[in-house]
Structures are given as structure tokens and as C-alpha cells.
Amino acid sequence: MTKKFIYLFLFAGSAVGGYVPSLWGESVFSMSSIFWSCIGGLFGIYVGFKLGERSG
């Protein structure tokens, strides 16, 4: 079950992180979008792992 949480939150974190630069007018295809997508993905992996541990 942990893998499902990790994949789900990896996808969600990457999507949200990639969208963040558009809030200040950057393109979704900019370098800052790639950077924030990576940060969001790492955060998503962390959250998914922690939730997977709790669910047993």
C-alpha cells in the first residue's frame, strides 16, 4: 500500500510544484517550473511514505 501512496503523492506534488511558477507569471515550461516540480515531487514522496507507514 505504501507504493500507491508514494506514486500518488509524487504525481500530485510534481503537478502542483510545476504549476507554482505560473502564479508569478512564469511559463509552465520554464526552468523554475522544472525546479519546483522536482521539489514538489520530493515532498510528495516524503508525504506518501509517511502516510503509507501509518496505514500499515
PDB file of N, CA and C in Angstrom:
ATOM      1  N   MET A   1       0.822  -1.196   0.000  1.00  0.00           N
ATOM      2  CA  MET A   1       0.000   0.000   0.000  1.00  0.00           C
ATOM      3  C   MET A   1       0.865   1.259   0.000  1.00  0.00           C
ATOM      4  N   THR A   2       2.044   1.164   0.570  1.00  0.00           N
ATOM      5  CA  THR A   2       2.923   2.317   0.644  1.00  0.00           C
ATOM      6  C   THR A   2       3.315   2.812  -0.742  1.00  0.00           C
ATOM      7  N   LYS A   3       3.541   1.886  -1.688  1.00  0.00           N
ATOM      8  CA  LYS A   3       3.923   2.289  -3.038  1.00  0.00           C
ATOM      9  C   LYS A   3       2.834   3.124  -3.699  1.00  0.00           C
ATOM     10  N   LYS A   4       1.593   2.751  -3.472  1.00  0.00           N
ATOM     11  CA  LYS A   4       0.489   3.502  -4.069  1.00  0.00           C
ATOM     12  C   LYS A   4       0.454   4.930  -3.538  1.00  0.00           C
ATOM     13  N   PHE A   5       0.643   5.088  -2.236  1.00  0.00           N
ATOM     14  CA  PHE A   5       0.679   6.425  -1.654  1.00  0.00           C
ATOM     15  C   PHE A   5       1.841   7.228  -2.215  1.00  0.00           C
ATOM     16  N   ILE A   6       2.994   6.598  -2.322  1.00  0.00           N
ATOM     17  CA  ILE A   6       4.173   7.303  -2.824  1.00  0.00           C
ATOM     18  C   ILE A   6       3.939   7.771  -4.259  1.00  0.00           C
ATOM     19  N   TYR A   7       3.441   6.891  -5.117  1.00  0.00           N
ATOM     20  CA  TYR A   7       3.199   7.264  -6.507  1.00  0.00           C
ATOM     21  C   TYR A   7       2.129   8.353  -6.627  1.00  0.00           C
ATOM     22  N   LEU A   8       1.088   8.228  -5.846  1.00  0.00           N
ATOM     23  CA  LEU A   8       0.012   9.206  -5.884  1.00  0.00           C
ATOM     24  C   LEU A   8       0.509  10.589  -5.479  1.00  0.00           C
ATOM     25  N   PHE A   9       1.220  10.650  -4.368  1.00  0.00           N
ATOM     26  CA  PHE A   9       1.697  11.941  -3.888  1.00  0.00           C
ATOM     27  C   PHE A   9       2.875  12.465  -4.703  1.00  0.00           C
ATOM     28  N   LEU A  10       3.650  11.583  -5.323  1.00  0.00           N
ATOM     29  CA  LEU A  10       4.701  12.014  -6.239  1.00  0.00           C
ATOM     30  C   LEU A  10       4.080  12.743  -7.422  1.00  0.00           C
ATOM     31  N   PHE A  11       3.046  12.154  -7.992  1.00  0.00           N
ATOM     32  CA  PHE A  11       2.366  12.781  -9.130  1.00  0.00           C
ATOM     33  C   PHE A  11       1.726  14.108  -8.716  1.00  0.00           C
ATOM     34  N   ALA A  12       1.004  14.101  -7.610  1.00  0.00           N
ATOM     35  CA  ALA A  12       0.318  15.320  -7.161  1.00  0.00           C
ATOM     36  C   ALA A  12       1.320  16.423  -6.809  1.00  0.00           C
ATOM     37  N   GLY A  13       2.385  16.059  -6.113  1.00  0.00           N
ATOM     38  CA  GLY A  13       3.392  17.051  -5.740  1.00  0.00           C
ATOM     39  C   GLY A  13       4.097  17.632  -6.944  1.00  0.00           C
ATOM     40  N   SER A  14       4.394  16.801  -7.926  1.00  0.00           N
ATOM     41  CA  SER A  14       5.039  17.297  -9.136  1.00  0.00           C
ATOM     42  C   SER A  14       4.116  18.226  -9.918  1.00  0.00           C
ATOM     43  N   ALA A  15       2.857  17.863  -9.991  1.00  0.00           N
ATOM     44  CA  ALA A  15       1.894  18.697 -10.722  1.00  0.00           C
ATOM     45  C   ALA A  15       1.723  20.061 -10.049  1.00  0.00           C
ATOM     46  N   VAL A  16       1.566  20.044  -8.743  1.00  0.00           N
ATOM     47  CA  VAL A  16       1.395  21.315  -8.018  1.00  0.00           C
ATOM     48  C   VAL A  16       2.683  22.132  -8.074  1.00  0.00           C
ATOM     49  N   GLY A  17       3.816  21.480  -7.888  1.00  0.00           N
ATOM     50  CA  GLY A  17       5.089  22.184  -7.950  1.00  0.00           C
ATOM     51  C   GLY A  17       5.369  22.782  -9.316  1.00  0.00           C
ATOM     52  N   GLY A  18       4.977  22.098 -10.366  1.00  0.00           N
ATOM     53  CA  GLY A  18       5.173  22.624 -11.707  1.00  0.00           C
ATOM     54  C   GLY A  18       4.264  23.798 -12.015  1.00  0.00           C
ATOM     55  N   TYR A  19       3.157  23.887 -11.326  1.00  0.00           N
ATOM     56  CA  TYR A  19       2.212  24.975 -11.546  1.00  0.00           C
ATOM     57  C   TYR A  19       2.572  26.235 -10.751  1.00  0.00           C
ATOM     58  N   VAL A  20       3.343  26.098  -9.695  1.00  0.00           N
ATOM     59  CA  VAL A  20       3.654  27.220  -8.799  1.00  0.00           C
ATOM     60  C   VAL A  20       4.236  28.430  -9.539  1.00  0.00           C
ATOM     61  N   PRO A  21       5.202  28.286 -10.446  1.00  0.00           N
ATOM     62  CA  PRO A  21       5.749  29.477 -11.108  1.00  0.00           C
ATOM     63  C   PRO A  21       4.740  30.267 -11.938  1.00  0.00           C
ATOM     64  N   SER A  22       3.674  29.641 -12.358  1.00  0.00           N
ATOM     65  CA  SER A  22       2.670  30.386 -13.122  1.00  0.00           C
ATOM     66  C   SER A  22       1.952  31.405 -12.236  1.00  0.00           C
ATOM     67  N   LEU A  23       2.070  31.255 -10.937  1.00  0.00           N
ATOM     68  CA  LEU A  23       1.445  32.220 -10.023  1.00  0.00           C
ATOM     69  C   LEU A  23       2.109  33.592 -10.113  1.00  0.00           C
ATOM     70  N   TRP A  24       3.397  33.640 -10.480  1.00  0.00           N
ATOM     71  CA  TRP A  24       4.070  34.923 -10.631  1.00  0.00           C
ATOM     72  C   TRP A  24       4.397  35.228 -12.096  1.00  0.00           C
ATOM     73  N   GLY A  25       3.715  34.560 -13.017  1.00  0.00           N
ATOM     74  CA  GLY A  25       3.803  34.926 -14.421  1.00  0.00           C
ATOM     75  C   GLY A  25       4.813  34.147 -15.245  1.00  0.00           C
ATOM     76  N   GLU A  26       5.486  33.183 -14.663  1.00  0.00           N
ATOM     77  CA  GLU A  26       6.436  32.361 -15.415  1.00  0.00           C
ATOM     78  C   GLU A  26       5.672  31.347 -16.255  1.00  0.00           C
ATOM     79  N   SER A  27       6.348  30.829 -17.249  1.00  0.00           N
ATOM     80  CA  SER A  27       5.765  29.792 -18.083  1.00  0.00           C
ATOM     81  C   SER A  27       5.800  28.452 -17.357  1.00  0.00           C
ATOM     82  N   VAL A  28       4.883  27.581 -17.708  1.00  0.00           N
ATOM     83  CA  VAL A  28       4.862  26.237 -17.124  1.00  0.00           C
ATOM     84  C   VAL A  28       6.052  25.422 -17.633  1.00  0.00           C
ATOM     85  N   PHE A  29       6.661  25.857 -18.729  1.00  0.00           N
ATOM     86  CA  PHE A  29       7.798  25.155 -19.315  1.00  0.00           C
ATOM     87  C   PHE A  29       9.137  25.832 -19.008  1.00  0.00           C
ATOM     88  N   SER A  30       9.202  26.644 -17.967  1.00  0.00           N
ATOM     89  CA  SER A  30      10.423  27.351 -17.611  1.00  0.00           C
ATOM     90  C   SER A  30      11.298  26.493 -16.688  1.00  0.00           C
ATOM     91  N   MET A  31      12.517  26.951 -16.477  1.00  0.00           N
ATOM     92  CA  MET A  31      13.431  26.237 -15.583  1.00  0.00           C
ATOM     93  C   MET A  31      12.939  26.274 -14.138  1.00  0.00           C
ATOM     94  N   SER A  32      12.313  27.360 -13.743  1.00  0.00           N
ATOM     95  CA  SER A  32      11.792  27.416 -12.377  1.00  0.00           C
ATOM     96  C   SER A  32      10.650  26.414 -12.197  1.00  0.00           C
ATOM     97  N   SER A  33       9.899  26.163 -13.245  1.00  0.00           N
ATOM     98  CA  SER A  33       8.836  25.161 -13.170  1.00  0.00           C
ATOM     99  C   SER A  33       9.427  23.766 -12.981  1.00  0.00           C
ATOM    100  N   ILE A  34      10.504  23.480 -13.670  1.00  0.00           N
ATOM    101  CA  ILE A  34      11.173  22.185 -13.505  1.00  0.00           C
ATOM    102  C   ILE A  34      11.714  22.054 -12.084  1.00  0.00           C
ATOM    103  N   PHE A  35      12.317  23.121 -11.583  1.00  0.00           N
ATOM    104  CA  PHE A  35      12.854  23.108 -10.217  1.00  0.00           C
ATOM    105  C   PHE A  35      11.747  22.850  -9.199  1.00  0.00           C
ATOM    106  N   TRP A  36      10.652  23.601  -9.288  1.00  0.00           N
ATOM    107  CA  TRP A  36       9.564  23.448  -8.330  1.00  0.00           C
ATOM    108  C   TRP A  36       8.849  22.118  -8.485  1.00  0.00           C
ATOM    109  N   SER A  37       8.832  21.575  -9.694  1.00  0.00           N
ATOM    110  CA  SER A  37       8.256  20.255  -9.909  1.00  0.00           C
ATOM    111  C   SER A  37       9.074  19.189  -9.188  1.00  0.00           C
ATOM    112  N   CYS A  38      10.393  19.321  -9.240  1.00  0.00           N
ATOM    113  CA  CYS A  38      11.266  18.382  -8.514  1.00  0.00           C
ATOM    114  C   CYS A  38      11.073  18.503  -7.009  1.00  0.00           C
ATOM    115  N   ILE A  39      11.000  19.732  -6.523  1.00  0.00           N
ATOM    116  CA  ILE A  39      10.783  19.950  -5.089  1.00  0.00           C
ATOM    117  C   ILE A  39       9.428  19.368  -4.668  1.00  0.00           C
ATOM    118  N   GLY A  40       8.408  19.610  -5.454  1.00  0.00           N
ATOM    119  CA  GLY A  40       7.078  19.067  -5.149  1.00  0.00           C
ATOM    120  C   GLY A  40       7.062  17.550  -5.191  1.00  0.00           C
ATOM    121  N   GLY A  41       7.786  16.961  -6.134  1.00  0.00           N
ATOM    122  CA  GLY A  41       7.870  15.507  -6.219  1.00  0.00           C
ATOM    123  C   GLY A  41       8.560  14.902  -5.011  1.00  0.00           C
ATOM    124  N   LEU A  42       9.650  15.517  -4.583  1.00  0.00           N
ATOM    125  CA  LEU A  42      10.356  15.022  -3.387  1.00  0.00           C
ATOM    126  C   LEU A  42       9.476  15.144  -2.149  1.00  0.00           C
ATOM    127  N   PHE A  43       8.791  16.265  -2.035  1.00  0.00           N
ATOM    128  CA  PHE A  43       7.878  16.437  -0.908  1.00  0.00           C
ATOM    129  C   PHE A  43       6.745  15.414  -0.975  1.00  0.00           C
ATOM    130  N   GLY A  44       6.254  15.147  -2.175  1.00  0.00           N
ATOM    131  CA  GLY A  44       5.200  14.153  -2.346  1.00  0.00           C
ATOM    132  C   GLY A  44       5.658  12.756  -1.967  1.00  0.00           C
ATOM    133  N   ILE A  45       6.896  12.411  -2.314  1.00  0.00           N
ATOM    134  CA  ILE A  45       7.447  11.113  -1.926  1.00  0.00           C
ATOM    135  C   ILE A  45       7.503  11.006  -0.411  1.00  0.00           C
ATOM    136  N   TYR A  46       7.962  12.063   0.238  1.00  0.00           N
ATOM    137  CA  TYR A  46       8.067  12.063   1.700  1.00  0.00           C
ATOM    138  C   TYR A  46       6.692  11.890   2.351  1.00  0.00           C
ATOM    139  N   VAL A  47       5.712  12.672   1.889  1.00  0.00           N
ATOM    140  CA  VAL A  47       4.370  12.596   2.463  1.00  0.00           C
ATOM    141  C   VAL A  47       3.754  11.227   2.199  1.00  0.00           C
ATOM    142  N   GLY A  48       3.908  10.720   0.980  1.00  0.00           N
ATOM    143  CA  GLY A  48       3.358   9.418   0.648  1.00  0.00           C
ATOM    144  C   GLY A  48       3.974   8.311   1.474  1.00  0.00           C
ATOM    145  N   PHE A  49       5.272   8.396   1.712  1.00  0.00           N
ATOM    146  CA  PHE A  49       5.944   7.382   2.534  1.00  0.00           C
ATOM    147  C   PHE A  49       5.440   7.412   3.969  1.00  0.00           C
ATOM    148  N   LYS A  50       5.313   8.642   4.519  1.00  0.00           N
ATOM    149  CA  LYS A  50       4.844   8.766   5.900  1.00  0.00           C
ATOM    150  C   LYS A  50       3.395   8.283   6.054  1.00  0.00           C
ATOM    151  N   LEU A  51       2.552   8.607   5.099  1.00  0.00           N
ATOM    152  CA  LEU A  51       1.165   8.135   5.174  1.00  0.00           C
ATOM    153  C   LEU A  51       1.081   6.631   4.974  1.00  0.00           C
ATOM    154  N   GLY A  52       1.935   6.095   4.123  1.00  0.00           N
ATOM    155  CA  GLY A  52       1.962   4.649   3.920  1.00  0.00           C
ATOM    156  C   GLY A  52       2.407   3.905   5.151  1.00  0.00           C
ATOM    157  N   GLU A  53       3.351   4.484   5.892  1.00  0.00           N
ATOM    158  CA  GLU A  53       3.794   3.855   7.148  1.00  0.00           C
ATOM    159  C   GLU A  53       2.663   3.816   8.169  1.00  0.00           C
ATOM    160  N   ARG A  54       1.918   4.901   8.234  1.00  0.00           N
ATOM    161  CA  ARG A  54       0.831   4.980   9.232  1.00  0.00           C
ATOM    162  C   ARG A  54      -0.311   4.039   8.910  1.00  0.00           C
ATOM    163  N   SER A  55      -0.561   3.817   7.620  1.00  0.00           N
ATOM    164  CA  SER A  55      -1.708   2.991   7.265  1.00  0.00           C
ATOM    165  C   SER A  55      -1.436   1.503   7.496  1.00  0.00           C
ATOM    166  N   GLY A  56      -0.182   1.169   7.647  1.00  0.00           N
ATOM    167  CA  GLY A  56       0.158  -0.213   7.997  1.00  0.00           C
ATOM    168  C   GLY A  56       0.425  -1.023   6.855  1.00  0.00           C
TER     169      GLY A  56
END
